[in-house]
Each structure stands twice: as structure tokens, then as C-alpha cells.
Amino acid sequence: MNIELLINSIVEGKEQKSDYAHCASEMNVRLPQLFNLVSIRIAKSFMSGHLSYADADFAMNSVWPAMLDYIMKSNISLVEPCYAIYEAFDQGEYDHKDGSDPVEKYTKPLLVKVLGNA
């Protein structure tokens, strides 16, 4: 399984927990690195218009529990920039009560910042 197939599976809601480990093994990377690669790809796909906000947000909400499960079992810190990307999409999920589009005002600028550092 490659990263594109994994992301397609995530967006379709068909991924299994074992898909992350399988993809990491196929790519010869550790799981934390895979979580970052997947998150960065999701963010870039959203920013370029290849993924809608709804699909990208759904995907990050699917990556999140897989990452949490891994870090809790491994007793390590949150994986960055995966966590920052998750948080950026989270900011677009609700009305900030300022009359603005939360995706435009919060999510996109946060992603620009994270992706600039990725």
C-alpha cells in the first residue's frame, strides 16, 4: 500500500488500523513519519483544491485516533506536524462567533504556516 492508496482509503472511510503499519512498512518509514507524510499530503491536497475541506477534515479526524493509539502505546509525544495539521482543520469545524468563514480565516492560514515549516 502506498500513501495515495492509504489516503484514498481514509477519505472513503475504509481504512483499517493495520493499513497504517502496512503502508509504513511498504514505504520503509516509522509510523510517526508516516502520520506526518499523510497529514502533509492531506493538507497540501486541500490547499491545492484536490480535496474539499469536508474530505480533508474527515481524513484528519481519521488519522487522529490512529496517531493517538500509537503514541499512547509507544509513550511518546504528539507527532508533529501531524498534530498541528489536525488542529488547523479543527479550527474550521465551528463558528468562532466573529462573522468570518472559519476555514478561510483560521484553517488556511494555519496550514500555510505549518506547511511552510514542513
C-alpha atoms as a PDB file:
ATOM      1  CA  MET A   1       0.000   0.000   0.000  1.00  0.00           C
ATOM      2  CA  ASN A   2       1.359   3.428  -0.912  1.00  0.00           C
ATOM      3  CA  ILE A   3       0.495   6.798   0.602  1.00  0.00           C
ATOM      4  CA  GLU A   4      -2.024   7.691  -2.127  1.00  0.00           C
ATOM      5  CA  LEU A   5      -3.929   4.439  -1.662  1.00  0.00           C
ATOM      6  CA  LEU A   6      -3.896   4.954   2.098  1.00  0.00           C
ATOM      7  CA  ILE A   7      -5.255   8.497   1.800  1.00  0.00           C
ATOM      8  CA  ASN A   8      -7.948   7.366  -0.650  1.00  0.00           C
ATOM      9  CA  SER A   9      -8.925   4.641   1.796  1.00  0.00           C
ATOM     10  CA  ILE A  10      -9.034   7.164   4.650  1.00  0.00           C
ATOM     11  CA  VAL A  11     -11.169   9.649   2.690  1.00  0.00           C
ATOM     12  CA  GLU A  12     -13.554   6.833   1.752  1.00  0.00           C
ATOM     13  CA  GLY A  13     -13.756   5.760   5.407  1.00  0.00           C
ATOM     14  CA  LYS A  14     -12.441   2.301   4.544  1.00  0.00           C
ATOM     15  CA  GLU A  15      -9.021   2.288   6.219  1.00  0.00           C
ATOM     16  CA  GLN A  16      -8.166  -0.205   8.903  1.00  0.00           C
ATOM     17  CA  LYS A  17      -5.709   0.392  11.734  1.00  0.00           C
ATOM     18  CA  SER A  18      -3.396  -2.156  10.156  1.00  0.00           C
ATOM     19  CA  ASP A  19      -3.265  -0.101   6.923  1.00  0.00           C
ATOM     20  CA  TYR A  20      -1.037   2.489   8.605  1.00  0.00           C
ATOM     21  CA  ALA A  21       1.538  -0.098   9.691  1.00  0.00           C
ATOM     22  CA  HIS A  22       1.349  -1.836   6.326  1.00  0.00           C
ATOM     23  CA  CYS A  23       1.926   1.426   4.444  1.00  0.00           C
ATOM     24  CA  ALA A  24       4.782   2.436   6.776  1.00  0.00           C
ATOM     25  CA  SER A  25       6.411  -0.934   6.186  1.00  0.00           C
ATOM     26  CA  GLU A  26       5.979  -0.680   2.409  1.00  0.00           C
ATOM     27  CA  MET A  27       7.487   2.826   2.449  1.00  0.00           C
ATOM     28  CA  ASN A  28      10.234   1.791   4.883  1.00  0.00           C
ATOM     29  CA  VAL A  29       9.350   4.551   7.373  1.00  0.00           C
ATOM     30  CA  ARG A  30       8.348   4.518  11.014  1.00  0.00           C
ATOM     31  CA  LEU A  31       4.707   5.200  11.916  1.00  0.00           C
ATOM     32  CA  PRO A  32       5.323   8.727  13.276  1.00  0.00           C
ATOM     33  CA  GLN A  33       6.936   9.667   9.966  1.00  0.00           C
ATOM     34  CA  LEU A  34       4.016   8.128   8.076  1.00  0.00           C
ATOM     35  CA  PHE A  35       1.492  10.119  10.125  1.00  0.00           C
ATOM     36  CA  ASN A  36       3.386  13.271   9.173  1.00  0.00           C
ATOM     37  CA  LEU A  37       3.638  12.330   5.497  1.00  0.00           C
ATOM     38  CA  VAL A  38      -0.068  11.506   5.316  1.00  0.00           C
ATOM     39  CA  SER A  39      -1.076  14.691   7.143  1.00  0.00           C
ATOM     40  CA  ILE A  40       1.130  16.886   4.988  1.00  0.00           C
ATOM     41  CA  ARG A  41      -0.260  15.267   1.828  1.00  0.00           C
ATOM     42  CA  ILE A  42      -3.841  15.784   3.046  1.00  0.00           C
ATOM     43  CA  ALA A  43      -3.125  19.442   3.875  1.00  0.00           C
ATOM     44  CA  LYS A  44      -1.429  20.091   0.528  1.00  0.00           C
ATOM     45  CA  SER A  45      -4.246  18.344  -1.339  1.00  0.00           C
ATOM     46  CA  PHE A  46      -6.773  20.559   0.428  1.00  0.00           C
ATOM     47  CA  MET A  47      -4.805  23.750  -0.185  1.00  0.00           C
ATOM     48  CA  SER A  48      -4.417  22.916  -3.886  1.00  0.00           C
ATOM     49  CA  GLY A  49      -8.133  22.172  -4.245  1.00  0.00           C
ATOM     50  CA  HIS A  50      -7.745  18.445  -4.840  1.00  0.00           C
ATOM     51  CA  LEU A  51      -9.574  17.662  -1.600  1.00  0.00           C
ATOM     52  CA  SER A  52     -12.578  19.522  -0.266  1.00  0.00           C
ATOM     53  CA  TYR A  53     -12.466  20.841   3.283  1.00  0.00           C
ATOM     54  CA  ALA A  54     -15.030  18.202   4.294  1.00  0.00           C
ATOM     55  CA  ASP A  55     -12.939  15.344   2.896  1.00  0.00           C
ATOM     56  CA  ALA A  56      -9.654  16.668   4.293  1.00  0.00           C
ATOM     57  CA  ASP A  57     -11.194  17.315   7.706  1.00  0.00           C
ATOM     58  CA  PHE A  58     -12.744  13.840   7.702  1.00  0.00           C
ATOM     59  CA  ALA A  59      -9.369  12.356   6.763  1.00  0.00           C
ATOM     60  CA  MET A  60      -7.545  14.189   9.554  1.00  0.00           C
ATOM     61  CA  ASN A  61     -10.248  13.144  12.011  1.00  0.00           C
ATOM     62  CA  SER A  62      -9.474   9.561  10.936  1.00  0.00           C
ATOM     63  CA  VAL A  63      -5.690   9.912  11.210  1.00  0.00           C
ATOM     64  CA  TRP A  64      -6.014  11.455  14.683  1.00  0.00           C
ATOM     65  CA  PRO A  65      -7.181   8.325  16.582  1.00  0.00           C
ATOM     66  CA  ALA A  66      -4.617   6.150  14.773  1.00  0.00           C
ATOM     67  CA  MET A  67      -1.858   8.547  15.835  1.00  0.00           C
ATOM     68  CA  LEU A  68      -3.190   8.769  19.405  1.00  0.00           C
ATOM     69  CA  ASP A  69      -3.344   4.999  19.691  1.00  0.00           C
ATOM     70  CA  TYR A  70       0.260   4.727  18.509  1.00  0.00           C
ATOM     71  CA  ILE A  71       1.665   7.441  20.789  1.00  0.00           C
ATOM     72  CA  MET A  72      -0.153   6.102  23.825  1.00  0.00           C
ATOM     73  CA  LYS A  73       1.198   2.590  23.229  1.00  0.00           C
ATOM     74  CA  SER A  74       4.677   3.944  22.497  1.00  0.00           C
ATOM     75  CA  ASN A  75       4.654   6.518  25.305  1.00  0.00           C
ATOM     76  CA  ILE A  76       5.846   9.314  23.025  1.00  0.00           C
ATOM     77  CA  SER A  77       4.742  12.911  22.444  1.00  0.00           C
ATOM     78  CA  LEU A  78       2.227  14.038  19.853  1.00  0.00           C
ATOM     79  CA  VAL A  79       3.596  13.682  16.344  1.00  0.00           C
ATOM     80  CA  GLU A  80       4.357  16.997  14.658  1.00  0.00           C
ATOM     81  CA  PRO A  81       3.382  18.425  12.214  1.00  0.00           C
ATOM     82  CA  CYS A  82       0.533  15.870  12.153  1.00  0.00           C
ATOM     83  CA  TYR A  83      -0.952  17.348  15.325  1.00  0.00           C
ATOM     84  CA  ALA A  84      -0.671  20.946  14.082  1.00  0.00           C
ATOM     85  CA  ILE A  85      -2.405  19.975  10.833  1.00  0.00           C
ATOM     86  CA  TYR A  86      -5.163  18.223  12.773  1.00  0.00           C
ATOM     87  CA  GLU A  87      -5.602  21.360  14.899  1.00  0.00           C
ATOM     88  CA  ALA A  88      -5.744  23.582  11.801  1.00  0.00           C
ATOM     89  CA  PHE A  89      -8.601  21.549  10.354  1.00  0.00           C
ATOM     90  CA  ASP A  90     -10.291  21.505  13.757  1.00  0.00           C
ATOM     91  CA  GLN A  91     -10.395  25.322  13.699  1.00  0.00           C
ATOM     92  CA  GLY A  92     -12.570  25.193  10.579  1.00  0.00           C
ATOM     93  CA  GLU A  93     -15.174  22.942  12.177  1.00  0.00           C
ATOM     94  CA  TYR A  94     -17.010  25.537  14.199  1.00  0.00           C
ATOM     95  CA  ASP A  95     -18.270  29.108  14.173  1.00  0.00           C
ATOM     96  CA  HIS A  96     -15.819  31.343  16.026  1.00  0.00           C
ATOM     97  CA  LYS A  97     -18.592  33.934  16.526  1.00  0.00           C
ATOM     98  CA  ASP A  98     -16.679  36.579  14.583  1.00  0.00           C
ATOM     99  CA  GLY A  99     -18.785  36.520  11.407  1.00  0.00           C
ATOM    100  CA  SER A 100     -15.996  35.036   9.308  1.00  0.00           C
ATOM    101  CA  ASP A 101     -15.618  31.790   7.397  1.00  0.00           C
ATOM    102  CA  PRO A 102     -13.584  29.683   9.848  1.00  0.00           C
ATOM    103  CA  VAL A 103     -11.870  27.708   7.092  1.00  0.00           C
ATOM    104  CA  GLU A 104     -10.675  30.870   5.355  1.00  0.00           C
ATOM    105  CA  LYS A 105      -9.788  32.800   8.499  1.00  0.00           C
ATOM    106  CA  TYR A 106      -8.324  30.042  10.662  1.00  0.00           C
ATOM    107  CA  THR A 107      -7.657  26.758   8.853  1.00  0.00           C
ATOM    108  CA  LYS A 108      -5.958  28.027   5.715  1.00  0.00           C
ATOM    109  CA  PRO A 109      -3.569  30.478   7.433  1.00  0.00           C
ATOM    110  CA  LEU A 110      -2.597  27.818   9.974  1.00  0.00           C
ATOM    111  CA  LEU A 111      -1.917  25.342   7.179  1.00  0.00           C
ATOM    112  CA  VAL A 112       0.195  27.876   5.306  1.00  0.00           C
ATOM    113  CA  LYS A 113       2.271  28.323   8.452  1.00  0.00           C
ATOM    114  CA  VAL A 114       2.610  24.583   9.129  1.00  0.00           C
ATOM    115  CA  LEU A 115       3.348  23.693   5.519  1.00  0.00           C
ATOM    116  CA  GLY A 116       5.929  26.452   5.330  1.00  0.00           C
ATOM    117  CA  ASN A 117       7.754  24.707   8.167  1.00  0.00           C
ATOM    118  CA  ALA A 118       7.213  21.151   6.889  1.00  0.00           C
END
